[in-house]
Each structure stands twice: as structure tokens, then as C-alpha cells.
Protein backbone atom coordinates (compact mmCIF):
# COMPACT_ATOMS: atom_id res chain seq x y z
CA MET A 1 -80.42 -9.53 30.07
CA ILE A 2 -83.95 -9.69 28.73
CA ASP A 3 -84.51 -12.96 26.83
CA LEU A 4 -85.60 -11.45 23.54
CA ARG A 5 -85.65 -14.80 21.73
CA ALA A 6 -88.01 -16.51 24.15
CA GLU A 7 -90.41 -13.58 24.23
CA PHE A 8 -90.36 -13.29 20.44
CA GLN A 9 -91.06 -17.00 20.02
CA GLU A 10 -93.99 -16.76 22.41
CA HIS A 11 -95.52 -13.90 20.40
CA PHE A 12 -94.79 -15.61 17.09
CA GLU A 13 -96.55 -18.80 18.20
CA GLU A 14 -99.73 -16.73 18.59
CA VAL A 15 -99.39 -15.52 15.00
CA GLU A 16 -98.76 -19.08 13.81
CA ALA A 17 -101.81 -20.34 15.70
CA TYR A 18 -104.00 -17.70 14.08
CA MET A 19 -102.48 -18.44 10.68
CA GLY A 20 -103.23 -22.12 11.21
CA LEU A 21 -106.92 -21.26 11.65
CA VAL A 22 -106.93 -19.15 8.47
CA THR A 23 -105.32 -21.96 6.50
CA ALA A 24 -107.65 -24.64 7.88
CA VAL A 25 -110.75 -22.65 6.99
CA GLU A 26 -109.48 -21.96 3.48
CA HIS A 27 -108.65 -25.62 2.87
CA ALA A 28 -112.07 -26.66 4.14
CA ALA A 29 -113.69 -24.13 1.80
CA GLN A 30 -112.03 -25.78 -1.19
CA SER A 31 -114.19 -28.86 -0.54
CA GLY A 32 -117.39 -26.90 -0.04
CA THR A 33 -118.72 -24.56 2.61
CA PRO A 34 -116.66 -24.93 5.85
CA ILE A 35 -118.81 -26.19 8.70
CA LEU A 36 -118.14 -25.84 12.43
CA GLN A 37 -119.73 -28.35 14.77
CA THR A 38 -120.95 -26.98 18.10
CA ARG A 39 -121.14 -28.91 21.38
CA SER A 40 -124.88 -29.18 21.03
CA GLY A 41 -124.41 -30.96 17.73
CA THR A 42 -125.73 -28.15 15.54
CA ALA A 43 -123.71 -27.09 12.53
CA SER A 44 -122.65 -23.55 11.70
CA THR A 45 -121.23 -22.63 8.32
CA VAL A 46 -118.26 -20.31 7.83
CA LYS A 47 -119.37 -17.62 5.41
CA PRO A 48 -117.10 -15.98 2.78
CA LEU A 49 -117.34 -12.68 4.67
CA GLN A 50 -116.02 -14.39 7.80
CA GLN A 51 -113.12 -15.85 5.84
CA LYS A 52 -112.18 -12.38 4.60
CA VAL A 53 -112.33 -11.00 8.14
CA LEU A 54 -110.03 -13.80 9.31
CA CYS A 55 -107.52 -13.00 6.56
CA GLY A 56 -107.64 -9.30 7.36
CA GLY A 57 -106.80 -10.05 10.98
CA VAL A 58 -103.40 -11.48 9.97
CA TYR A 59 -102.08 -7.97 9.28
CA LEU A 60 -103.10 -6.77 12.71
CA HIS A 61 -101.40 -9.73 14.39
CA LEU A 62 -98.23 -9.18 12.36
CA TYR A 63 -98.03 -5.49 13.16
CA ASN A 64 -98.50 -6.22 16.85
CA LEU A 65 -95.61 -8.69 16.57
CA VAL A 66 -93.41 -6.02 14.96
CA GLU A 67 -94.18 -3.33 17.53
CA ALA A 68 -93.91 -5.71 20.49
CA THR A 69 -90.51 -6.92 19.24
CA ILE A 70 -89.12 -3.40 18.84
CA SER A 71 -90.46 -2.39 22.25
CA ARG A 72 -88.74 -5.35 23.91
CA CYS A 73 -85.49 -4.71 22.01
CA VAL A 74 -85.48 -1.10 23.20
CA ALA A 75 -86.24 -2.23 26.75
CA ALA A 76 -83.22 -4.56 26.59
CA VAL A 77 -80.95 -1.64 25.69
CA GLU A 78 -82.44 0.57 28.41
CA THR A 79 -82.01 -2.19 30.99
CA ALA A 80 -78.39 -2.87 30.03
CA ALA A 81 -77.42 0.82 29.93
CA SER A 82 -79.07 1.42 33.31
CA SER A 83 -77.84 -1.90 34.78
CA ALA A 84 -77.35 -1.75 38.55
CA LYS A 85 -76.96 2.02 38.16
CA ARG A 86 -73.40 1.24 37.12
CA TRP A 87 -72.81 3.67 34.27
CA ARG A 88 -72.56 7.45 34.30
CA ALA A 89 -73.37 9.74 31.41
CA ASP A 90 -69.73 9.98 30.31
CA ASP A 91 -69.56 6.16 30.07
CA LEU A 92 -72.32 6.04 27.45
CA SER A 93 -71.64 6.06 23.73
CA VAL A 94 -72.18 9.38 21.99
CA LYS A 95 -75.54 8.29 20.56
CA LEU A 96 -76.82 6.76 23.82
CA ARG A 97 -75.68 9.85 25.71
CA ARG A 98 -77.74 11.89 23.28
CA GLU A 99 -80.77 9.72 24.10
CA TRP A 100 -80.10 10.19 27.81
CA VAL A 101 -80.00 13.97 27.39
CA ARG A 102 -83.17 13.84 25.30
CA SER A 103 -85.01 11.98 28.08
CA ILE A 104 -83.82 13.92 31.11
CA ALA A 105 -83.92 17.37 29.45
CA ARG A 106 -87.17 16.46 27.65
CA THR A 107 -85.93 18.10 24.47
CA HIS A 108 -88.53 16.31 22.34
CA GLU A 109 -91.48 17.73 24.31
CA GLU A 110 -93.37 20.99 24.02
CA LEU A 111 -92.70 22.66 27.37
CA SER A 112 -93.45 26.00 28.96
CA THR A 113 -90.53 28.26 29.84
CA ASP A 114 -90.65 27.21 33.50
CA HIS A 115 -90.80 23.50 32.70
CA ARG A 116 -87.96 23.88 30.18
CA LEU A 117 -85.84 25.55 32.87
CA ARG A 118 -86.72 22.82 35.38
CA ALA A 119 -85.64 20.12 32.92
CA ALA A 120 -82.35 21.94 32.30
CA ILE A 121 -81.74 22.20 36.05
CA ASP A 122 -82.45 18.47 36.46
CA LEU A 123 -79.83 17.74 33.82
CA CYS A 124 -77.34 20.10 35.45
CA ASN A 125 -77.90 18.64 38.93
CA HIS A 126 -77.47 15.11 37.60
CA LEU A 127 -74.13 15.95 36.02
CA VAL A 128 -72.84 17.93 39.00
CA ALA A 129 -73.69 15.11 41.40
CA MET A 130 -72.20 12.55 38.97
CA LEU A 131 -75.26 10.33 39.37
CA PRO A 132 -75.67 7.06 37.44
CA ALA A 133 -77.41 7.42 34.10
CA ILE A 134 -80.90 5.95 33.86
CA VAL A 135 -81.45 5.61 30.13
CA LYS A 136 -84.90 6.03 28.60
CA ILE A 137 -85.14 5.92 24.83
CA GLU A 138 -87.92 7.85 23.12
CA LYS A 139 -89.58 5.58 20.53
CA GLY A 140 -92.24 7.98 19.33
CA ARG A 141 -95.86 7.13 18.74
CA GLY A 142 -96.98 3.61 17.94
CA GLY A 143 -98.26 2.60 14.52
CA ASN A 144 -95.21 3.83 12.59
CA TRP A 145 -92.88 0.83 12.54
CA ASP A 146 -91.77 -0.57 9.21
CA ASP A 147 -88.31 -1.59 7.98
CA ILE A 148 -87.37 2.01 7.10
CA ALA A 149 -88.41 3.37 10.51
CA ILE A 150 -86.67 0.50 12.31
CA PHE A 151 -83.43 1.05 10.36
CA ARG A 152 -83.45 4.79 11.12
CA PHE A 153 -84.24 4.20 14.79
CA ALA A 154 -81.47 1.60 15.16
CA ASP A 155 -79.01 3.96 13.51
CA ARG A 156 -80.11 6.78 15.85
CA ILE A 157 -79.08 4.82 18.92
CA GLY A 158 -75.94 3.38 17.35
CA ILE A 159 -76.97 -0.10 16.19
CA PRO A 160 -75.73 -1.15 12.73
CA LEU A 161 -78.70 -3.06 11.36
CA GLN A 162 -77.15 -5.50 8.91
CA LEU A 163 -79.78 -7.89 7.62
CA GLY A 164 -77.80 -9.72 4.98
CA GLU A 165 -78.46 -9.48 1.26
CA ALA A 166 -81.16 -12.16 1.13
CA ILE A 167 -83.42 -10.66 3.84
CA GLU A 168 -82.72 -7.12 2.65
CA ALA A 169 -83.87 -8.02 -0.87
CA ARG A 170 -87.00 -9.83 0.37
CA VAL A 171 -88.02 -6.96 2.65
CA LYS A 172 -87.45 -4.28 0.01
CA GLN A 173 -89.13 -6.17 -2.83
CA PRO A 174 -92.61 -4.77 -3.59
CA TYR A 175 -95.03 -7.21 -2.01
CA ARG A 176 -98.42 -5.70 -2.75
CA ASP A 177 -99.71 -2.26 -3.76
CA ASN A 178 -96.09 -1.41 -4.66
CA LYS A 179 -95.12 -1.60 -0.98
CA GLY A 180 -92.54 -3.75 0.75
CA ALA A 181 -93.78 -6.31 3.25
CA LEU A 182 -93.22 -4.32 6.45
CA THR A 183 -94.58 -1.10 4.93
CA LEU A 184 -97.68 -2.94 3.71
CA ILE A 185 -98.28 -4.42 7.18
CA LYS A 186 -97.92 -0.99 8.79
CA CYS A 187 -100.20 0.76 6.31
CA LEU A 188 -102.96 -1.85 6.48
CA ARG A 189 -102.78 -1.96 10.28
CA ASN A 190 -103.20 1.81 10.44
CA LYS A 191 -106.13 1.76 8.04
CA LEU A 192 -107.78 -0.89 10.22
CA ALA A 193 -107.01 1.00 13.42
CA HIS A 194 -108.34 4.30 12.09
CA GLY A 195 -111.45 2.83 10.51
CA GLU A 196 -110.34 3.62 6.96
CA MET A 197 -110.71 -0.03 5.94
CA SER A 198 -112.78 -2.93 7.22
CA PHE A 199 -111.26 -6.30 8.06
CA ALA A 200 -113.22 -7.82 5.18
CA GLU A 201 -111.77 -5.30 2.72
CA CYS A 202 -108.29 -5.89 4.10
CA GLY A 203 -108.58 -9.67 3.72
CA ASP A 204 -110.36 -9.69 0.37
CA GLY A 205 -108.43 -11.63 -2.28
CA ARG A 206 -105.73 -12.80 0.16
CA SER A 207 -104.84 -16.48 0.09
CA SER A 208 -103.41 -18.42 3.01
CA THR A 209 -100.29 -19.14 0.93
CA GLU A 210 -99.67 -15.43 0.34
CA LEU A 211 -100.29 -14.58 3.98
CA ASP A 212 -98.10 -17.44 5.22
CA GLU A 213 -95.22 -16.12 3.10
CA LEU A 214 -95.71 -12.70 4.69
CA VAL A 215 -95.74 -14.22 8.18
CA HIS A 216 -92.45 -16.05 7.65
CA LEU A 217 -90.76 -13.09 5.98
CA THR A 218 -91.72 -10.96 8.98
CA ARG A 219 -90.33 -13.63 11.30
CA ASP A 220 -87.03 -13.86 9.39
CA TYR A 221 -86.65 -10.07 9.35
CA LEU A 222 -87.40 -9.62 13.05
CA GLU A 223 -84.97 -12.37 14.00
CA LYS A 224 -82.22 -10.36 12.26
CA VAL A 225 -83.29 -7.25 14.14
CA ILE A 226 -83.18 -9.14 17.44
CA SER A 227 -79.67 -10.41 16.63
CA ALA A 228 -78.50 -6.84 16.04
CA PHE A 229 -79.90 -5.61 19.37
CA GLU A 230 -78.57 -8.65 21.23
CA GLY A 231 -75.08 -8.04 19.84
CA PHE A 232 -75.25 -4.36 20.72
CA VAL A 233 -76.03 -5.24 24.33
CA SER A 234 -73.72 -8.25 24.76
CA ARG A 235 -70.72 -6.37 23.31
CA TYR A 236 -71.46 -3.32 25.51
CA GLU A 237 -71.67 -1.11 22.43
CA PHE A 238 -73.93 1.27 24.35
CA LEU A 239 -70.72 2.39 26.12
CA GLU A 240 -67.70 4.29 24.86
CA PRO A 241 -65.11 1.77 23.56
CA GLU A 242 -62.65 2.36 26.39
CA LYS A 243 -65.38 1.87 29.01
CA ARG A 244 -66.56 -1.52 27.79
CA PRO A 245 -65.78 -4.38 30.21
CA LEU A 246 -64.85 -6.72 27.37
CA ALA A 247 -62.28 -4.19 26.20
CA GLY A 248 -60.65 -4.18 29.62
CA GLY A 249 -62.14 -0.92 30.78
CA GLY A 250 -64.91 -0.04 33.26
């Protein structure tokens, strides 16, 4: 099984390292203009514009953490469901079987008549030959992940995403611009990516305290998401109940 925790921690340490730089610069600015000392001994000041750019970068790092985490969680499900080519289509849960059909029949793609027929024949041949199911889950385009999208995606593949009341309330609470934390991160990341907002505009008026709260809320939320995916895989919930090894089947 893919070690989701270790990979998440590795990515999160990068966010923490960046956040540490943002905080250090802000604290230095409170005692005057922050100064960086170069190897040659010359001093370089950190300008207010540079501080804003640093703050703006936090949102990009956080969104990358969100998307990387979801990608690895999905990969863990795909790996487990395709493990050692052990499971056939009729072993899969109804929702995972739907994802399998979607991938092999390419139902989510715009295809010509000939390509549509070829995909249908591939599906038919697979079933007739009773081949093992190789599960690929369509995630859609990047840049769209927030708590709402993650909840809907998890539900689509059969994962009950139960965060607990405390995390649920924190994630849903308007954080800024009347948006919840994950929605704000997604929207600002997309504005940065599409050139609708500069890093300086994105970071303007943001304090390290505010950003640090956002970082740790994102961490707490994603850890709950990881737990849900881990449980789904470890309990073989990607299979029909009677086919799960822990239930005495399969």
C-alpha cells in the first residue's frame, strides 16, 4: 500500500519551511527593514513588495499540497483495486465498477463514432475474457480541488468522508472574502495561475499569523481525508462486501 502519511508529511514540511521564511521576514520587519547578509558581506534589504510576494506564495504552496494529496490518495485506491491483477470487474464495488467502465469505455471523452465503437468492443472483450480489472479513476482537470469538490469526488467512488464536527466547522467557516479556507486557496491559486492576480496583490494585507492558521487548518483537513482513503483501502471497501478478504470472501 502506498504510504500516504509519509508522502504527505514530506510535502507538508516544504510548506512549513516556506512558512518559516515568511514568518522570519515579518518578525524582522517589526524591528525595522529586514536585511539579508550575502557571502561577500554586502547587505540587501527585503522590500515591502518582496514581503507581499512571499505571502502570496503561501497559497500556491497550499494548493499544490491539496492537489498532490488527492492525487496520491486516488493512486492508492487504483493500486489496491488493481493489486496483482487479482480482482475482476464483478468483484469491484458498484461505484468502483462504474469508474472502471468509465475508464475502459472512455465514456467521459468526446469520441468519434469509430472510436466509441472501439471502446465498447474493448469493454466487451474484457468481460468475455474475464480479465482482471485495471482501475483508473478519472479525476478531471487540475485546479478545481476544494472541500466541496473533494467531498463529491470521494462520494462518487464510494468513500464516506467524515471529518468530524470540529474540522467540518473550521473548513466551512468563512475565512476571507466570504469563502471557506479550501475554496479561498483554490480561487487564489487559480487567479495566480491564470494571471488574474499578482503575487503581491495576493499577499497584500496577509499576516504570518493568519497564514499559519490557514496552513494548519489545511493540514488538519487533509489528514482527515487521508484517514478516509486509508480506511477505504485497508477495509477492502473498493470490493463488494462478500468479496472482501476480511469478510471471509475472495
